[in-house]
C-alpha atoms as a PDB file:
ATOM      1  CA  MET A   1     -46.577 -29.619  35.302  1.00  0.00           C
ATOM      2  CA  LYS A   2     -42.778 -29.624  35.112  1.00  0.00           C
ATOM      3  CA  LYS A   3     -42.809 -30.871  31.499  1.00  0.00           C
ATOM      4  CA  LEU A   4     -45.445 -28.282  30.607  1.00  0.00           C
ATOM      5  CA  PHE A   5     -43.328 -25.517  32.131  1.00  0.00           C
ATOM      6  CA  VAL A   6     -40.264 -26.567  30.100  1.00  0.00           C
ATOM      7  CA  LEU A   7     -42.356 -26.690  26.904  1.00  0.00           C
ATOM      8  CA  LEU A   8     -43.781 -23.215  27.509  1.00  0.00           C
ATOM      9  CA  LEU A   9     -40.314 -21.893  28.281  1.00  0.00           C
ATOM     10  CA  CYS A  10     -38.992 -23.213  24.980  1.00  0.00           C
ATOM     11  CA  LEU A  11     -41.867 -21.756  23.018  1.00  0.00           C
ATOM     12  CA  GLY A  12     -41.539 -18.408  24.789  1.00  0.00           C
ATOM     13  CA  ALA A  13     -37.868 -18.109  23.969  1.00  0.00           C
ATOM     14  CA  THR A  14     -36.366 -18.792  20.542  1.00  0.00           C
ATOM     15  CA  GLY A  15     -37.817 -22.308  20.329  1.00  0.00           C
ATOM     16  CA  CYS A  16     -36.418 -25.754  21.024  1.00  0.00           C
ATOM     17  CA  ALA A  17     -36.346 -26.635  17.335  1.00  0.00           C
ATOM     18  CA  THR A  18     -32.984 -26.720  15.640  1.00  0.00           C
ATOM     19  CA  ALA A  19     -32.022 -23.205  14.587  1.00  0.00           C
ATOM     20  CA  PRO A  20     -30.598 -22.620  11.102  1.00  0.00           C
ATOM     21  CA  PRO A  21     -26.812 -22.095  10.958  1.00  0.00           C
ATOM     22  CA  PRO A  22     -25.551 -18.501  10.760  1.00  0.00           C
ATOM     23  CA  PRO A  23     -25.185 -17.372   7.123  1.00  0.00           C
ATOM     24  CA  GLN A  24     -21.694 -17.549   5.608  1.00  0.00           C
ATOM     25  CA  ALA A  25     -20.370 -14.776   3.363  1.00  0.00           C
ATOM     26  CA  GLU A  26     -19.268 -15.701  -0.145  1.00  0.00           C
ATOM     27  CA  PRO A  27     -15.485 -15.337  -0.641  1.00  0.00           C
ATOM     28  CA  TYR A  28     -14.495 -12.023  -2.209  1.00  0.00           C
ATOM     29  CA  VAL A  29     -11.826 -12.947  -4.765  1.00  0.00           C
ATOM     30  CA  ALA A  30      -9.603  -9.865  -4.974  1.00  0.00           C
ATOM     31  CA  ASN A  31      -8.203  -8.651  -8.287  1.00  0.00           C
ATOM     32  CA  PHE A  32      -4.501  -7.756  -8.272  1.00  0.00           C
ATOM     33  CA  ASP A  33      -3.580  -5.776 -11.357  1.00  0.00           C
ATOM     34  CA  TYR A  34      -1.186  -2.945 -12.178  1.00  0.00           C
ATOM     35  CA  ALA A  35      -0.431  -1.090 -15.419  1.00  0.00           C
ATOM     36  CA  PRO A  36       3.007   0.626 -15.676  1.00  0.00           C
ATOM     37  CA  GLN A  37       2.790   4.391 -16.096  1.00  0.00           C
ATOM     38  CA  THR A  38       5.727   4.748 -18.514  1.00  0.00           C
ATOM     39  CA  GLN A  39       7.145   2.652 -21.332  1.00  0.00           C
ATOM     40  CA  GLU A  40      10.828   2.675 -22.315  1.00  0.00           C
ATOM     41  CA  PRO A  41      12.166   0.807 -25.372  1.00  0.00           C
ATOM     42  CA  THR A  42      12.614  -2.860 -24.497  1.00  0.00           C
ATOM     43  CA  GLY A  43      16.241  -3.698 -23.764  1.00  0.00           C
ATOM     44  CA  SER A  44      17.340  -0.045 -23.647  1.00  0.00           C
ATOM     45  CA  SER A  45      18.627  -0.411 -20.070  1.00  0.00           C
ATOM     46  CA  GLY A  46      21.115  -3.103 -21.025  1.00  0.00           C
ATOM     47  CA  VAL A  47      20.182  -5.457 -18.165  1.00  0.00           C
ATOM     48  CA  THR A  48      18.411  -8.801 -18.444  1.00  0.00           C
ATOM     49  CA  PHE A  49      16.266 -10.208 -15.632  1.00  0.00           C
ATOM     50  CA  ALA A  50      14.589 -13.450 -14.722  1.00  0.00           C
ATOM     51  CA  VAL A  51      11.743 -13.359 -12.173  1.00  0.00           C
ATOM     52  CA  GLY A  52      11.512 -16.151  -9.615  1.00  0.00           C
ATOM     53  CA  ASN A  53       8.381 -17.602  -8.062  1.00  0.00           C
ATOM     54  CA  THR A  54       6.805 -15.510  -5.312  1.00  0.00           C
ATOM     55  CA  GLY A  55       7.354 -16.648  -1.734  1.00  0.00           C
ATOM     56  CA  TYR A  56       4.821 -16.079   1.056  1.00  0.00           C
ATOM     57  CA  LYS A  57       5.270 -15.496   4.783  1.00  0.00           C
ATOM     58  CA  THR A  58       2.845 -15.397   7.704  1.00  0.00           C
ATOM     59  CA  ASN A  59       3.072 -14.850  11.456  1.00  0.00           C
ATOM     60  CA  ASP A  60       0.948 -17.917  12.251  1.00  0.00           C
ATOM     61  CA  LYS A  61       1.227 -21.413  10.796  1.00  0.00           C
ATOM     62  CA  LYS A  62      -2.542 -21.703  11.187  1.00  0.00           C
ATOM     63  CA  MET A  63      -3.016 -18.475   9.221  1.00  0.00           C
ATOM     64  CA  LEU A  64      -1.935 -19.489   5.706  1.00  0.00           C
ATOM     65  CA  TRP A  65      -3.710 -16.475   4.241  1.00  0.00           C
ATOM     66  CA  PHE A  66      -2.304 -17.014   0.744  1.00  0.00           C
ATOM     67  CA  THR A  67      -4.173 -20.346   0.462  1.00  0.00           C
ATOM     68  CA  TYR A  68      -7.595 -18.718   0.917  1.00  0.00           C
ATOM     69  CA  PRO A  69      -9.713 -18.141  -2.227  1.00  0.00           C
ATOM     70  CA  GLN A  70      -9.738 -14.389  -1.546  1.00  0.00           C
ATOM     71  CA  PHE A  71      -6.050 -14.318  -2.560  1.00  0.00           C
ATOM     72  CA  GLY A  72      -6.375 -16.778  -5.427  1.00  0.00           C
ATOM     73  CA  ASN A  73      -5.357 -14.145  -8.007  1.00  0.00           C
ATOM     74  CA  LEU A  74      -2.333 -12.743  -6.163  1.00  0.00           C
ATOM     75  CA  ASN A  75       0.272 -15.157  -7.512  1.00  0.00           C
ATOM     76  CA  SER A  76      -0.867 -14.801 -11.127  1.00  0.00           C
ATOM     77  CA  GLY A  77      -1.085 -11.007 -10.726  1.00  0.00           C
ATOM     78  CA  LEU A  78       2.503 -10.735  -9.537  1.00  0.00           C
ATOM     79  CA  LYS A  79       3.694 -13.205 -12.156  1.00  0.00           C
ATOM     80  CA  GLN A  80       2.248 -10.935 -14.850  1.00  0.00           C
ATOM     81  CA  ASP A  81       2.900  -7.485 -13.352  1.00  0.00           C
ATOM     82  CA  LEU A  82       6.549  -7.858 -12.322  1.00  0.00           C
ATOM     83  CA  PRO A  83       7.835  -8.694 -15.832  1.00  0.00           C
ATOM     84  CA  GLU A  84       5.629  -5.927 -17.271  1.00  0.00           C
ATOM     85  CA  ILE A  85       7.175  -3.406 -14.869  1.00  0.00           C
ATOM     86  CA  LEU A  86      10.693  -4.511 -15.815  1.00  0.00           C
ATOM     87  CA  ILE A  87       9.970  -4.345 -19.535  1.00  0.00           C
ATOM     88  CA  ALA A  88       8.376  -0.906 -19.139  1.00  0.00           C
ATOM     89  CA  LYS A  89      11.586   0.283 -17.435  1.00  0.00           C
ATOM     90  CA  GLY A  90      13.631  -0.792 -20.474  1.00  0.00           C
ATOM     91  CA  PHE A  91      14.914  -4.135 -19.158  1.00  0.00           C
ATOM     92  CA  SER A  92      14.873  -7.454 -20.968  1.00  0.00           C
ATOM     93  CA  VAL A  93      13.151 -10.401 -19.277  1.00  0.00           C
ATOM     94  CA  ARG A  94      13.775 -14.119 -19.844  1.00  0.00           C
ATOM     95  CA  GLY A  95      11.175 -16.687 -18.864  1.00  0.00           C
ATOM     96  CA  PRO A  96       8.855 -17.311 -17.181  1.00  0.00           C
ATOM     97  CA  PHE A  97      10.392 -20.406 -15.572  1.00  0.00           C
ATOM     98  CA  ASP A  98       8.489 -22.595 -13.105  1.00  0.00           C
ATOM     99  CA  SER A  99      11.576 -22.924 -10.903  1.00  0.00           C
ATOM    100  CA  TYR A 100      15.250 -21.965 -10.812  1.00  0.00           C
ATOM    101  CA  ASP A 101      16.251 -25.529 -11.661  1.00  0.00           C
ATOM    102  CA  LEU A 102      14.338 -25.301 -14.949  1.00  0.00           C
ATOM    103  CA  ILE A 103      16.324 -22.300 -16.247  1.00  0.00           C
ATOM    104  CA  PRO A 104      18.530 -23.629 -19.077  1.00  0.00           C
ATOM    105  CA  TYR A 105      22.252 -22.865 -18.933  1.00  0.00           C
ATOM    106  CA  SER A 106      21.966 -20.940 -22.212  1.00  0.00           C
ATOM    107  CA  ASP A 107      19.476 -18.593 -20.543  1.00  0.00           C
ATOM    108  CA  LYS A 108      21.606 -18.266 -17.414  1.00  0.00           C
ATOM    109  CA  LYS A 109      24.468 -16.980 -19.564  1.00  0.00           C
ATOM    110  CA  ALA A 110      22.191 -14.197 -20.874  1.00  0.00           C
ATOM    111  CA  ILE A 111      20.493 -13.335 -17.563  1.00  0.00           C
ATOM    112  CA  ASP A 112      22.213 -10.745 -15.368  1.00  0.00           C
ATOM    113  CA  LEU A 113      19.980 -10.613 -12.303  1.00  0.00           C
ATOM    114  CA  PHE A 114      17.452 -12.929 -10.670  1.00  0.00           C
ATOM    115  CA  LEU A 115      14.525 -11.087  -9.028  1.00  0.00           C
ATOM    116  CA  ILE A 116      12.849 -12.954  -6.158  1.00  0.00           C
ATOM    117  CA  PRO A 117       9.673 -11.428  -4.629  1.00  0.00           C
ATOM    118  CA  THR A 118       8.234 -12.382  -1.238  1.00  0.00           C
ATOM    119  CA  VAL A 119       4.932 -11.202   0.254  1.00  0.00           C
ATOM    120  CA  GLU A 120       4.732 -11.128   4.044  1.00  0.00           C
ATOM    121  CA  LEU A 121       1.335 -10.561   5.638  1.00  0.00           C
ATOM    122  CA  LEU A 122       0.895 -10.501   9.415  1.00  0.00           C
ATOM    123  CA  ILE A 123      -2.720 -10.972  10.561  1.00  0.00           C
ATOM    124  CA  THR A 124      -3.407 -10.717  14.288  1.00  0.00           C
ATOM    125  CA  PHE A 125      -6.703 -11.176  16.181  1.00  0.00           C
ATOM    126  CA  LYS A 126      -6.997  -8.780  19.129  1.00  0.00           C
ATOM    127  CA  ASP A 127      -9.479  -7.995  21.911  1.00  0.00           C
ATOM    128  CA  THR A 128     -11.378 -11.245  21.323  1.00  0.00           C
ATOM    129  CA  LYS A 129     -14.569 -11.781  23.316  1.00  0.00           C
ATOM    130  CA  GLN A 130     -17.252 -14.457  23.343  1.00  0.00           C
ATOM    131  CA  GLU A 131     -20.737 -14.238  24.836  1.00  0.00           C
ATOM    132  CA  VAL A 132     -23.924 -16.264  24.507  1.00  0.00           C
ATOM    133  CA  GLU A 133     -26.523 -14.585  22.314  1.00  0.00           C
ATOM    134  CA  ASN A 134     -29.486 -16.224  24.083  1.00  0.00           C
ATOM    135  CA  ILE A 135     -29.127 -18.614  27.010  1.00  0.00           C
ATOM    136  CA  PHE A 136     -32.475 -20.228  26.126  1.00  0.00           C
ATOM    137  CA  ALA A 137     -31.641 -20.881  22.456  1.00  0.00           C
ATOM    138  CA  ALA A 138     -31.351 -24.441  21.204  1.00  0.00           C
ATOM    139  CA  PRO A 139     -28.711 -24.891  19.960  1.00  0.00           C
ATOM    140  CA  PRO A 140     -26.945 -21.999  21.748  1.00  0.00           C
ATOM    141  CA  VAL A 141     -25.409 -19.309  19.556  1.00  0.00           C
ATOM    142  CA  ASP A 142     -22.301 -17.382  20.581  1.00  0.00           C
ATOM    143  CA  ILE A 143     -21.367 -13.852  19.548  1.00  0.00           C
ATOM    144  CA  LEU A 144     -17.657 -13.534  18.770  1.00  0.00           C
ATOM    145  CA  THR A 145     -16.204 -10.007  18.646  1.00  0.00           C
ATOM    146  CA  GLY A 146     -12.773  -8.449  18.404  1.00  0.00           C
ATOM    147  CA  ASN A 147     -10.393  -6.614  16.091  1.00  0.00           C
ATOM    148  CA  VAL A 148      -8.177  -7.728  13.236  1.00  0.00           C
ATOM    149  CA  GLU A 149      -4.788  -6.044  12.769  1.00  0.00           C
ATOM    150  CA  VAL A 150      -3.007  -6.429   9.424  1.00  0.00           C
ATOM    151  CA  ASN A 151       0.552  -5.451   8.618  1.00  0.00           C
ATOM    152  CA  GLY A 152       3.249  -6.656   6.244  1.00  0.00           C
ATOM    153  CA  LYS A 153       5.554  -5.919   3.346  1.00  0.00           C
ATOM    154  CA  ILE A 154       6.744  -6.964  -0.082  1.00  0.00           C
ATOM    155  CA  ILE A 155      10.385  -8.058  -0.055  1.00  0.00           C
ATOM    156  CA  LEU A 156      12.459  -7.800  -3.234  1.00  0.00           C
ATOM    157  CA  GLU A 157      15.777  -9.586  -3.609  1.00  0.00           C
ATOM    158  CA  LEU A 158      18.174  -9.369  -6.543  1.00  0.00           C
ATOM    159  CA  ARG A 159      20.634 -12.234  -6.822  1.00  0.00           C
ATOM    160  CA  GLU A 160      23.397 -13.050  -9.262  1.00  0.00           C
ATOM    161  CA  ILE A 161      21.854 -15.673 -11.503  1.00  0.00           C
ATOM    162  CA  VAL A 162      24.550 -18.384 -11.284  1.00  0.00           C
ATOM    163  CA  THR A 163      25.915 -18.117  -7.720  1.00  0.00           C
ATOM    164  CA  ARG A 164      22.592 -16.739  -6.346  1.00  0.00           C
ATOM    165  CA  GLU A 165      24.558 -14.342  -4.156  1.00  0.00           C
ATOM    166  CA  LEU A 166      22.413 -11.515  -2.782  1.00  0.00           C
ATOM    167  CA  MET A 167      23.229  -8.247  -4.573  1.00  0.00           C
ATOM    168  CA  TRP A 168      20.358  -5.935  -3.546  1.00  0.00           C
ATOM    169  CA  SER A 169      17.202  -6.005  -1.446  1.00  0.00           C
ATOM    170  CA  LYS A 170      14.286  -3.694  -0.636  1.00  0.00           C
ATOM    171  CA  ASN A 171      11.267  -3.821   1.684  1.00  0.00           C
ATOM    172  CA  ILE A 172       8.029  -2.165   0.558  1.00  0.00           C
ATOM    173  CA  PRO A 173       5.678  -1.939   3.570  1.00  0.00           C
ATOM    174  CA  PHE A 174       1.915  -2.268   3.479  1.00  0.00           C
ATOM    175  CA  THR A 175      -0.034   0.486   5.175  1.00  0.00           C
ATOM    176  CA  LYS A 176      -1.046  -1.053   8.494  1.00  0.00           C
ATOM    177  CA  PHE A 177      -4.804  -1.279   9.080  1.00  0.00           C
ATOM    178  CA  GLU A 178      -7.280  -2.599  11.632  1.00  0.00           C
ATOM    179  CA  PHE A 179     -10.996  -3.400  11.585  1.00  0.00           C
ATOM    180  CA  PRO A 180     -13.569  -4.887  14.002  1.00  0.00           C
ATOM    181  CA  TYR A 181     -15.512  -8.111  13.510  1.00  0.00           C
ATOM    182  CA  ARG A 182     -18.733  -9.533  14.966  1.00  0.00           C
ATOM    183  CA  VAL A 183     -19.658 -13.118  14.125  1.00  0.00           C
ATOM    184  CA  ARG A 184     -22.555 -15.381  15.189  1.00  0.00           C
ATOM    185  CA  HIS A 185     -21.505 -18.975  15.728  1.00  0.00           C
ATOM    186  CA  SER A 186     -22.985 -22.185  17.083  1.00  0.00           C
ATOM    187  CA  ALA A 187     -20.724 -25.081  18.063  1.00  0.00           C
ATOM    188  CA  TYR A 188     -23.670 -27.320  17.132  1.00  0.00           C
ATOM    189  CA  TYR A 189     -22.697 -26.990  13.470  1.00  0.00           C
ATOM    190  CA  ASP A 190     -18.970 -27.728  13.859  1.00  0.00           C
ATOM    191  CA  LYS A 191     -17.949 -30.837  11.966  1.00  0.00           C
ATOM    192  CA  PRO A 192     -16.193 -33.600  13.945  1.00  0.00           C
ATOM    193  CA  GLY A 193     -12.476 -32.877  13.985  1.00  0.00           C
ATOM    194  CA  GLN A 194     -13.029 -29.494  12.295  1.00  0.00           C
ATOM    195  CA  PRO A 195     -13.630 -26.844  14.948  1.00  0.00           C
ATOM    196  CA  PHE A 196     -14.977 -23.435  14.005  1.00  0.00           C
ATOM    197  CA  ASP A 197     -12.503 -21.297  12.057  1.00  0.00           C
ATOM    198  CA  LEU A 198     -12.983 -17.549  12.319  1.00  0.00           C
ATOM    199  CA  LYS A 199     -10.335 -16.637   9.744  1.00  0.00           C
ATOM    200  CA  PRO A 200     -12.333 -17.212   6.527  1.00  0.00           C
ATOM    201  CA  LEU A 201     -15.071 -14.914   7.847  1.00  0.00           C
ATOM    202  CA  VAL A 202     -12.742 -11.898   8.117  1.00  0.00           C
ATOM    203  CA  MET A 203     -10.577 -12.676   5.077  1.00  0.00           C
ATOM    204  CA  ASN A 204     -12.908 -10.827   2.685  1.00  0.00           C
ATOM    205  CA  GLU A 205     -12.121  -7.478   4.272  1.00  0.00           C
ATOM    206  CA  VAL A 206      -8.402  -8.280   4.513  1.00  0.00           C
ATOM    207  CA  ALA A 207      -8.284  -9.088   0.786  1.00  0.00           C
ATOM    208  CA  GLN A 208     -10.280  -5.991  -0.179  1.00  0.00           C
ATOM    209  CA  LYS A 209      -7.926  -3.675   1.684  1.00  0.00           C
ATOM    210  CA  ILE A 210      -4.800  -5.343   0.277  1.00  0.00           C
ATOM    211  CA  GLU A 211      -6.348  -5.090  -3.185  1.00  0.00           C
ATOM    212  CA  GLU A 212      -6.729  -1.324  -2.657  1.00  0.00           C
ATOM    213  CA  GLN A 213      -3.068  -0.977  -1.698  1.00  0.00           C
ATOM    214  CA  TYR A 214      -1.691  -3.169  -4.479  1.00  0.00           C
ATOM    215  CA  PRO A 215      -1.387  -0.541  -7.282  1.00  0.00           C
ATOM    216  CA  GLY A 216       0.494   1.835  -4.979  1.00  0.00           C
ATOM    217  CA  LEU A 217       2.850  -0.933  -3.858  1.00  0.00           C
ATOM    218  CA  MET A 218       3.617  -1.837  -7.466  1.00  0.00           C
ATOM    219  CA  ALA A 219       4.219   1.829  -8.341  1.00  0.00           C
ATOM    220  CA  THR A 220       6.719   2.074  -5.468  1.00  0.00           C
ATOM    221  CA  LEU A 221       8.386  -1.128  -6.645  1.00  0.00           C
ATOM    222  CA  ALA A 222       8.738   0.319 -10.144  1.00  0.00           C
ATOM    223  CA  GLN A 223      10.409   3.451  -8.766  1.00  0.00           C
ATOM    224  CA  LEU A 224      12.916   1.427  -6.752  1.00  0.00           C
ATOM    225  CA  ILE A 225      14.185  -0.557  -9.748  1.00  0.00           C
ATOM    226  CA  ASP A 226      16.289   2.216 -11.265  1.00  0.00           C
ATOM    227  CA  PRO A 227      18.036   1.458 -14.604  1.00  0.00           C
ATOM    228  CA  GLU A 228      21.254   3.257 -13.666  1.00  0.00           C
ATOM    229  CA  GLU A 229      21.542   1.412 -10.351  1.00  0.00           C
ATOM    230  CA  MET A 230      20.723  -1.901 -12.039  1.00  0.00           C
ATOM    231  CA  ARG A 231      23.590  -1.413 -14.516  1.00  0.00           C
ATOM    232  CA  ILE A 232      25.974  -0.891 -11.583  1.00  0.00           C
ATOM    233  CA  ILE A 233      24.660  -4.025  -9.871  1.00  0.00           C
ATOM    234  CA  LYS A 234      25.049  -5.926 -13.148  1.00  0.00           C
ATOM    235  CA  GLU A 235      28.748  -5.010 -13.245  1.00  0.00           C
ATOM    236  CA  GLN A 236      29.146  -6.110  -9.627  1.00  0.00           C
ATOM    237  CA  ALA A 237      27.405  -9.388 -10.395  1.00  0.00           C
ATOM    238  CA  GLN A 238      29.695 -10.025 -13.368  1.00  0.00           C
ATOM    239  CA  LYS A 239      32.779  -9.427 -11.201  1.00  0.00           C
ATOM    240  CA  LEU A 240      31.413 -11.757  -8.540  1.00  0.00           C
ATOM    241  CA  LYS A 241      30.738 -14.473 -11.087  1.00  0.00           C
ATOM    242  CA  SER A 242      34.260 -14.109 -12.475  1.00  0.00           C
ATOM    243  CA  GLN A 243      35.765 -14.373  -8.968  1.00  0.00           C
ATOM    244  CA  LYS A 244      33.772 -17.568  -8.374  1.00  0.00           C
ATOM    245  CA  GLY A 245      35.234 -19.091 -11.524  1.00  0.00           C
ATOM    246  CA  TYR A 246      32.207 -18.840 -13.814  1.00  0.00           C
END
C-alpha cells in the first residue's frame, strides 16, 4: 500500500520521470556600429593619431561580460568606428597596430597623440530570490528571480606617443538601467564542477540595451575630440617630448 501511494502521488503531481531541462535562449549578438555625421578633409586638423587596443573593466572577476558572445562584435566595432570618427573630424590616423610595441619608430615620429579607449561595465544582481516551483517535481525545479542593474562608462585617454604621458582624458557615462529576471533552473542538469551560471541568461538584454546606447555614446565621443583643442594638446605633447630628450 505504501509503494502504491508513492506511485499515485508521483503520477498525480508532475511525474517521477526525468523532466526536460529548462529551455536556453540563443545568444543575441549585438551589432555595434556608428557612422560619423560630418566629414572634414582628411588631415585638415594637422594632428595625427594612433588608436590603441580597447581595454575592458568589470566590477566582478566572475562577470567577464566582454567574453560573452553577445559582445563579440564590440571590439571590432570600436576598432573600426574610432578611426572613422577621427578621420571625419579632419585628423590623420596611422595604423591599425596590434599593440604599442609593434608601432615602428618611423610611425612614432609622425604620430602626435595615442588614443586609448577603455569600456567599463558594472553589472550587479540585486533582490535575488529562490523558491521551489513544485515540491513534488522530480527533479525539482527552482525559480530564480531578481533585478539586474547595469552602469558604466567609456574612458578615453590621450597620451604622448613616445613617453606615453597622459595629456587628456574624458569619461562618457552609459545611461544606467535596470531590469527584472525570472529563470527556471534544476540543479539536476548542472555539470560536475560547473555549477549553474545565471549570467548568460540575462546577458541578451544587457547587450541589447548597450547596443541601443552605442550610437549616442559615439556621437558624444566625436563632439569631445575638438580639432582646436587637439592642436593645443599636440603642442604640449611636443614640448613634453623635447623636455624628455626625444
